[in-house]
Amino acid sequence: MEITKEMRIVDVLSICPETAEVFMGFGMQCFACPMGENETIEEACLVHNIDVDELLQLLNEKITKN
């Protein structure tokens, strides 16, 4: 499975809870935010001014290791 920018953060965390540390490494605590339930990875990156491609690369590396 590959994580894409269209996926909701809550779904990614459900699939692989270990991805929380990747999000937190970017200063994103979206899983604790009410918006995190409906926000896609791309939307959250726009809000936090984060490179979505860089985040996706690290998220996908994380799920591959687990």
PDB file of N, CA and C in Angstrom:
ATOM      1  N   MET A   1       0.837  -1.185   0.000  1.00  0.00           N
ATOM      2  CA  MET A   1       0.000   0.000   0.000  1.00  0.00           C
ATOM      3  C   MET A   1       0.880   1.246   0.000  1.00  0.00           C
ATOM      4  N   GLU A   2       0.431   2.247  -0.711  1.00  0.00           N
ATOM      5  CA  GLU A   2       1.157   3.507  -0.763  1.00  0.00           C
ATOM      6  C   GLU A   2       0.286   4.622  -0.211  1.00  0.00           C
ATOM      7  N   ILE A   3       0.879   5.451   0.608  1.00  0.00           N
ATOM      8  CA  ILE A   3       0.185   6.618   1.143  1.00  0.00           C
ATOM      9  C   ILE A   3       0.234   7.710   0.085  1.00  0.00           C
ATOM     10  N   THR A   4      -0.925   8.335  -0.165  1.00  0.00           N
ATOM     11  CA  THR A   4      -1.016   9.404  -1.157  1.00  0.00           C
ATOM     12  C   THR A   4      -1.498  10.690  -0.480  1.00  0.00           C
ATOM     13  N   LYS A   5      -1.298  11.800  -1.168  1.00  0.00           N
ATOM     14  CA  LYS A   5      -1.681  13.099  -0.604  1.00  0.00           C
ATOM     15  C   LYS A   5      -3.181  13.264  -0.456  1.00  0.00           C
ATOM     16  N   GLU A   6      -3.955  12.433  -1.152  1.00  0.00           N
ATOM     17  CA  GLU A   6      -5.414  12.519  -1.069  1.00  0.00           C
ATOM     18  C   GLU A   6      -5.984  11.802   0.151  1.00  0.00           C
ATOM     19  N   MET A   7      -5.141  11.020   0.827  1.00  0.00           N
ATOM     20  CA  MET A   7      -5.618  10.257   1.985  1.00  0.00           C
ATOM     21  C   MET A   7      -5.812  11.170   3.187  1.00  0.00           C
ATOM     22  N   ARG A   8      -6.798  10.812   3.995  1.00  0.00           N
ATOM     23  CA  ARG A   8      -7.014  11.558   5.234  1.00  0.00           C
ATOM     24  C   ARG A   8      -5.979  11.119   6.266  1.00  0.00           C
ATOM     25  N   ILE A   9      -5.520  12.055   7.058  1.00  0.00           N
ATOM     26  CA  ILE A   9      -4.515  11.773   8.075  1.00  0.00           C
ATOM     27  C   ILE A   9      -5.004  10.694   9.033  1.00  0.00           C
ATOM     28  N   VAL A  10      -6.230  10.778   9.450  1.00  0.00           N
ATOM     29  CA  VAL A  10      -6.780   9.808  10.387  1.00  0.00           C
ATOM     30  C   VAL A  10      -6.750   8.394   9.804  1.00  0.00           C
ATOM     31  N   ASP A  11      -6.938   8.266   8.501  1.00  0.00           N
ATOM     32  CA  ASP A  11      -6.888   6.951   7.864  1.00  0.00           C
ATOM     33  C   ASP A  11      -5.458   6.404   7.848  1.00  0.00           C
ATOM     34  N   VAL A  12      -4.496   7.277   7.576  1.00  0.00           N
ATOM     35  CA  VAL A  12      -3.092   6.864   7.584  1.00  0.00           C
ATOM     36  C   VAL A  12      -2.699   6.382   8.975  1.00  0.00           C
ATOM     37  N   LEU A  13      -3.087   7.130   9.987  1.00  0.00           N
ATOM     38  CA  LEU A  13      -2.781   6.748  11.362  1.00  0.00           C
ATOM     39  C   LEU A  13      -3.474   5.449  11.759  1.00  0.00           C
ATOM     40  N   SER A  14      -4.638   5.214  11.217  1.00  0.00           N
ATOM     41  CA  SER A  14      -5.358   3.969  11.490  1.00  0.00           C
ATOM     42  C   SER A  14      -4.637   2.771  10.880  1.00  0.00           C
ATOM     43  N   ILE A  15      -4.116   2.958   9.681  1.00  0.00           N
ATOM     44  CA  ILE A  15      -3.401   1.895   8.979  1.00  0.00           C
ATOM     45  C   ILE A  15      -2.063   1.607   9.648  1.00  0.00           C
ATOM     46  N   CYS A  16      -1.368   2.661  10.018  1.00  0.00           N
ATOM     47  CA  CYS A  16      -0.030   2.527  10.602  1.00  0.00           C
ATOM     48  C   CYS A  16       0.159   3.600  11.678  1.00  0.00           C
ATOM     49  N   PRO A  17      -0.193   3.292  12.921  1.00  0.00           N
ATOM     50  CA  PRO A  17      -0.072   4.275  14.002  1.00  0.00           C
ATOM     51  C   PRO A  17       1.341   4.834  14.177  1.00  0.00           C
ATOM     52  N   GLU A  18       2.336   4.081  13.746  1.00  0.00           N
ATOM     53  CA  GLU A  18       3.718   4.525  13.874  1.00  0.00           C
ATOM     54  C   GLU A  18       4.022   5.771  13.034  1.00  0.00           C
ATOM     55  N   THR A  19       3.153   6.081  12.069  1.00  0.00           N
ATOM     56  CA  THR A  19       3.364   7.282  11.258  1.00  0.00           C
ATOM     57  C   THR A  19       3.181   8.560  12.075  1.00  0.00           C
ATOM     58  N   ALA A  20       2.609   8.453  13.258  1.00  0.00           N
ATOM     59  CA  ALA A  20       2.427   9.634  14.116  1.00  0.00           C
ATOM     60  C   ALA A  20       3.753  10.329  14.357  1.00  0.00           C
ATOM     61  N   GLU A  21       4.828   9.559  14.532  1.00  0.00           N
ATOM     62  CA  GLU A  21       6.122  10.186  14.792  1.00  0.00           C
ATOM     63  C   GLU A  21       6.638  10.942  13.570  1.00  0.00           C
ATOM     64  N   VAL A  22       6.266  10.516  12.370  1.00  0.00           N
ATOM     65  CA  VAL A  22       6.645  11.248  11.158  1.00  0.00           C
ATOM     66  C   VAL A  22       5.902  12.589  11.130  1.00  0.00           C
ATOM     67  N   PHE A  23       4.595  12.536  11.354  1.00  0.00           N
ATOM     68  CA  PHE A  23       3.813  13.782  11.387  1.00  0.00           C
ATOM     69  C   PHE A  23       4.369  14.732  12.452  1.00  0.00           C
ATOM     70  N   MET A  24       4.655  14.201  13.630  1.00  0.00           N
ATOM     71  CA  MET A  24       5.165  15.040  14.716  1.00  0.00           C
ATOM     72  C   MET A  24       6.540  15.620  14.383  1.00  0.00           C
ATOM     73  N   GLY A  25       7.331  14.887  13.622  1.00  0.00           N
ATOM     74  CA  GLY A  25       8.639  15.380  13.212  1.00  0.00           C
ATOM     75  C   GLY A  25       8.542  16.631  12.344  1.00  0.00           C
ATOM     76  N   PHE A  26       7.396  16.807  11.717  1.00  0.00           N
ATOM     77  CA  PHE A  26       7.149  17.996  10.894  1.00  0.00           C
ATOM     78  C   PHE A  26       6.362  19.047  11.679  1.00  0.00           C
ATOM     79  N   GLY A  27       6.142  18.799  12.968  1.00  0.00           N
ATOM     80  CA  GLY A  27       5.389  19.740  13.787  1.00  0.00           C
ATOM     81  C   GLY A  27       3.889  19.634  13.580  1.00  0.00           C
ATOM     82  N   MET A  28       3.469  18.527  12.989  1.00  0.00           N
ATOM     83  CA  MET A  28       2.042  18.324  12.711  1.00  0.00           C
ATOM     84  C   MET A  28       1.461  17.398  13.785  1.00  0.00           C
ATOM     85  N   GLN A  29       0.570  17.935  14.573  1.00  0.00           N
ATOM     86  CA  GLN A  29      -0.107  17.134  15.585  1.00  0.00           C
ATOM     87  C   GLN A  29      -1.571  16.976  15.187  1.00  0.00           C
ATOM     88  N   CYS A  30      -1.761  16.689  13.908  1.00  0.00           N
ATOM     89  CA  CYS A  30      -3.099  16.656  13.320  1.00  0.00           C
ATOM     90  C   CYS A  30      -4.009  15.607  13.947  1.00  0.00           C
ATOM     91  N   PHE A  31      -3.425  14.566  14.480  1.00  0.00           N
ATOM     92  CA  PHE A  31      -4.247  13.530  15.097  1.00  0.00           C
ATOM     93  C   PHE A  31      -4.886  14.020  16.386  1.00  0.00           C
ATOM     94  N   ALA A  32      -4.371  15.096  16.951  1.00  0.00           N
ATOM     95  CA  ALA A  32      -4.946  15.678  18.155  1.00  0.00           C
ATOM     96  C   ALA A  32      -5.836  16.878  17.844  1.00  0.00           C
ATOM     97  N   CYS A  33      -5.888  17.249  16.582  1.00  0.00           N
ATOM     98  CA  CYS A  33      -6.641  18.426  16.147  1.00  0.00           C
ATOM     99  C   CYS A  33      -7.990  17.992  15.569  1.00  0.00           C
ATOM    100  N   PRO A  34      -9.067  18.711  15.888  1.00  0.00           N
ATOM    101  CA  PRO A  34     -10.377  18.360  15.330  1.00  0.00           C
ATOM    102  C   PRO A  34     -10.395  18.358  13.796  1.00  0.00           C
ATOM    103  N   MET A  35      -9.572  19.181  13.166  1.00  0.00           N
ATOM    104  CA  MET A  35      -9.527  19.217  11.700  1.00  0.00           C
ATOM    105  C   MET A  35      -8.880  17.960  11.129  1.00  0.00           C
ATOM    106  N   GLY A  36      -8.060  17.298  11.924  1.00  0.00           N
ATOM    107  CA  GLY A  36      -7.333  16.125  11.468  1.00  0.00           C
ATOM    108  C   GLY A  36      -8.208  14.977  11.013  1.00  0.00           C
ATOM    109  N   GLU A  37      -9.416  14.924  11.511  1.00  0.00           N
ATOM    110  CA  GLU A  37     -10.312  13.831  11.126  1.00  0.00           C
ATOM    111  C   GLU A  37     -10.757  13.920   9.677  1.00  0.00           C
ATOM    112  N   ASN A  38     -10.859  15.101   9.148  1.00  0.00           N
ATOM    113  CA  ASN A  38     -11.350  15.276   7.780  1.00  0.00           C
ATOM    114  C   ASN A  38     -10.302  15.811   6.816  1.00  0.00           C
ATOM    115  N   GLU A  39      -9.167  16.204   7.334  1.00  0.00           N
ATOM    116  CA  GLU A  39      -8.141  16.831   6.517  1.00  0.00           C
ATOM    117  C   GLU A  39      -7.302  15.789   5.774  1.00  0.00           C
ATOM    118  N   THR A  40      -7.050  16.060   4.508  1.00  0.00           N
ATOM    119  CA  THR A  40      -6.150  15.192   3.757  1.00  0.00           C
ATOM    120  C   THR A  40      -4.710  15.594   4.080  1.00  0.00           C
ATOM    121  N   ILE A  41      -3.779  14.744   3.715  1.00  0.00           N
ATOM    122  CA  ILE A  41      -2.371  15.060   3.913  1.00  0.00           C
ATOM    123  C   ILE A  41      -2.013  16.341   3.163  1.00  0.00           C
ATOM    124  N   GLU A  42      -2.490  16.455   1.946  1.00  0.00           N
ATOM    125  CA  GLU A  42      -2.187  17.642   1.156  1.00  0.00           C
ATOM    126  C   GLU A  42      -2.727  18.912   1.809  1.00  0.00           C
ATOM    127  N   GLU A  43      -3.953  18.869   2.298  1.00  0.00           N
ATOM    128  CA  GLU A  43      -4.549  20.041   2.958  1.00  0.00           C
ATOM    129  C   GLU A  43      -3.753  20.431   4.199  1.00  0.00           C
ATOM    130  N   ALA A  44      -3.360  19.445   4.986  1.00  0.00           N
ATOM    131  CA  ALA A  44      -2.593  19.728   6.197  1.00  0.00           C
ATOM    132  C   ALA A  44      -1.231  20.325   5.846  1.00  0.00           C
ATOM    133  N   CYS A  45      -0.611  19.839   4.789  1.00  0.00           N
ATOM    134  CA  CYS A  45       0.680  20.380   4.361  1.00  0.00           C
ATOM    135  C   CYS A  45       0.549  21.836   3.938  1.00  0.00           C
ATOM    136  N   LEU A  46      -0.525  22.166   3.269  1.00  0.00           N
ATOM    137  CA  LEU A  46      -0.754  23.556   2.863  1.00  0.00           C
ATOM    138  C   LEU A  46      -0.899  24.458   4.083  1.00  0.00           C
ATOM    139  N   VAL A  47      -1.637  23.997   5.071  1.00  0.00           N
ATOM    140  CA  VAL A  47      -1.866  24.785   6.281  1.00  0.00           C
ATOM    141  C   VAL A  47      -0.562  24.985   7.055  1.00  0.00           C
ATOM    142  N   HIS A  48       0.261  23.933   7.100  1.00  0.00           N
ATOM    143  CA  HIS A  48       1.496  23.970   7.889  1.00  0.00           C
ATOM    144  C   HIS A  48       2.727  24.372   7.072  1.00  0.00           C
ATOM    145  N   ASN A  49       2.512  24.694   5.792  1.00  0.00           N
ATOM    146  CA  ASN A  49       3.611  25.096   4.908  1.00  0.00           C
ATOM    147  C   ASN A  49       4.719  24.030   4.855  1.00  0.00           C
ATOM    148  N   ILE A  50       4.298  22.792   4.566  1.00  0.00           N
ATOM    149  CA  ILE A  50       5.194  21.640   4.512  1.00  0.00           C
ATOM    150  C   ILE A  50       5.196  21.076   3.100  1.00  0.00           C
ATOM    151  N   ASP A  51       6.362  20.632   2.662  1.00  0.00           N
ATOM    152  CA  ASP A  51       6.503  20.007   1.349  1.00  0.00           C
ATOM    153  C   ASP A  51       5.817  18.637   1.377  1.00  0.00           C
ATOM    154  N   VAL A  52       4.716  18.509   0.653  1.00  0.00           N
ATOM    155  CA  VAL A  52       3.924  17.289   0.684  1.00  0.00           C
ATOM    156  C   VAL A  52       4.713  16.087   0.162  1.00  0.00           C
ATOM    157  N   ASP A  53       5.552  16.297  -0.825  1.00  0.00           N
ATOM    158  CA  ASP A  53       6.329  15.193  -1.387  1.00  0.00           C
ATOM    159  C   ASP A  53       7.339  14.644  -0.381  1.00  0.00           C
ATOM    160  N   GLU A  54       7.958  15.534   0.362  1.00  0.00           N
ATOM    161  CA  GLU A  54       8.914  15.109   1.391  1.00  0.00           C
ATOM    162  C   GLU A  54       8.202  14.319   2.487  1.00  0.00           C
ATOM    163  N   LEU A  55       7.063  14.817   2.928  1.00  0.00           N
ATOM    164  CA  LEU A  55       6.299  14.120   3.956  1.00  0.00           C
ATOM    165  C   LEU A  55       5.843  12.753   3.459  1.00  0.00           C
ATOM    166  N   LEU A  56       5.331  12.685   2.251  1.00  0.00           N
ATOM    167  CA  LEU A  56       4.877  11.412   1.691  1.00  0.00           C
ATOM    168  C   LEU A  56       6.012  10.401   1.602  1.00  0.00           C
ATOM    169  N   GLN A  57       7.181  10.858   1.209  1.00  0.00           N
ATOM    170  CA  GLN A  57       8.322   9.957   1.115  1.00  0.00           C
ATOM    171  C   GLN A  57       8.618   9.322   2.473  1.00  0.00           C
ATOM    172  N   LEU A  58       8.645  10.144   3.518  1.00  0.00           N
ATOM    173  CA  LEU A  58       8.937   9.625   4.853  1.00  0.00           C
ATOM    174  C   LEU A  58       7.817   8.742   5.387  1.00  0.00           C
ATOM    175  N   LEU A  59       6.576   9.100   5.099  1.00  0.00           N
ATOM    176  CA  LEU A  59       5.448   8.269   5.540  1.00  0.00           C
ATOM    177  C   LEU A  59       5.506   6.907   4.868  1.00  0.00           C
ATOM    178  N   ASN A  60       5.780   6.889   3.580  1.00  0.00           N
ATOM    179  CA  ASN A  60       5.838   5.624   2.841  1.00  0.00           C
ATOM    180  C   ASN A  60       7.034   4.772   3.277  1.00  0.00           C
ATOM    181  N   GLU A  61       8.143   5.422   3.612  1.00  0.00           N
ATOM    182  CA  GLU A  61       9.282   4.674   4.158  1.00  0.00           C
ATOM    183  C   GLU A  61       8.898   4.032   5.482  1.00  0.00           C
ATOM    184  N   LYS A  62       8.152   4.762   6.280  1.00  0.00           N
ATOM    185  CA  LYS A  62       7.748   4.276   7.611  1.00  0.00           C
ATOM    186  C   LYS A  62       6.835   3.045   7.482  1.00  0.00           C
ATOM    187  N   ILE A  63       5.867   3.089   6.599  1.00  0.00           N
ATOM    188  CA  ILE A  63       4.961   1.949   6.492  1.00  0.00           C
ATOM    189  C   ILE A  63       5.652   0.750   5.860  1.00  0.00           C
ATOM    190  N   THR A  64       6.665   0.983   5.049  1.00  0.00           N
ATOM    191  CA  THR A  64       7.403  -0.123   4.434  1.00  0.00           C
ATOM    192  C   THR A  64       8.209  -0.864   5.496  1.00  0.00           C
ATOM    193  N   LYS A  65       8.713  -0.124   6.480  1.00  0.00           N
ATOM    194  CA  LYS A  65       9.527  -0.735   7.543  1.00  0.00           C
ATOM    195  C   LYS A  65       8.673  -1.512   8.546  1.00  0.00           C
ATOM    196  N   ASN A  66       7.390  -1.190   8.625  1.00  0.00           N
ATOM    197  CA  ASN A  66       6.536  -1.841   9.638  1.00  0.00           C
ATOM    198  C   ASN A  66       5.706  -2.937   9.043  1.00  0.00           C
TER     199      ASN A  66
END
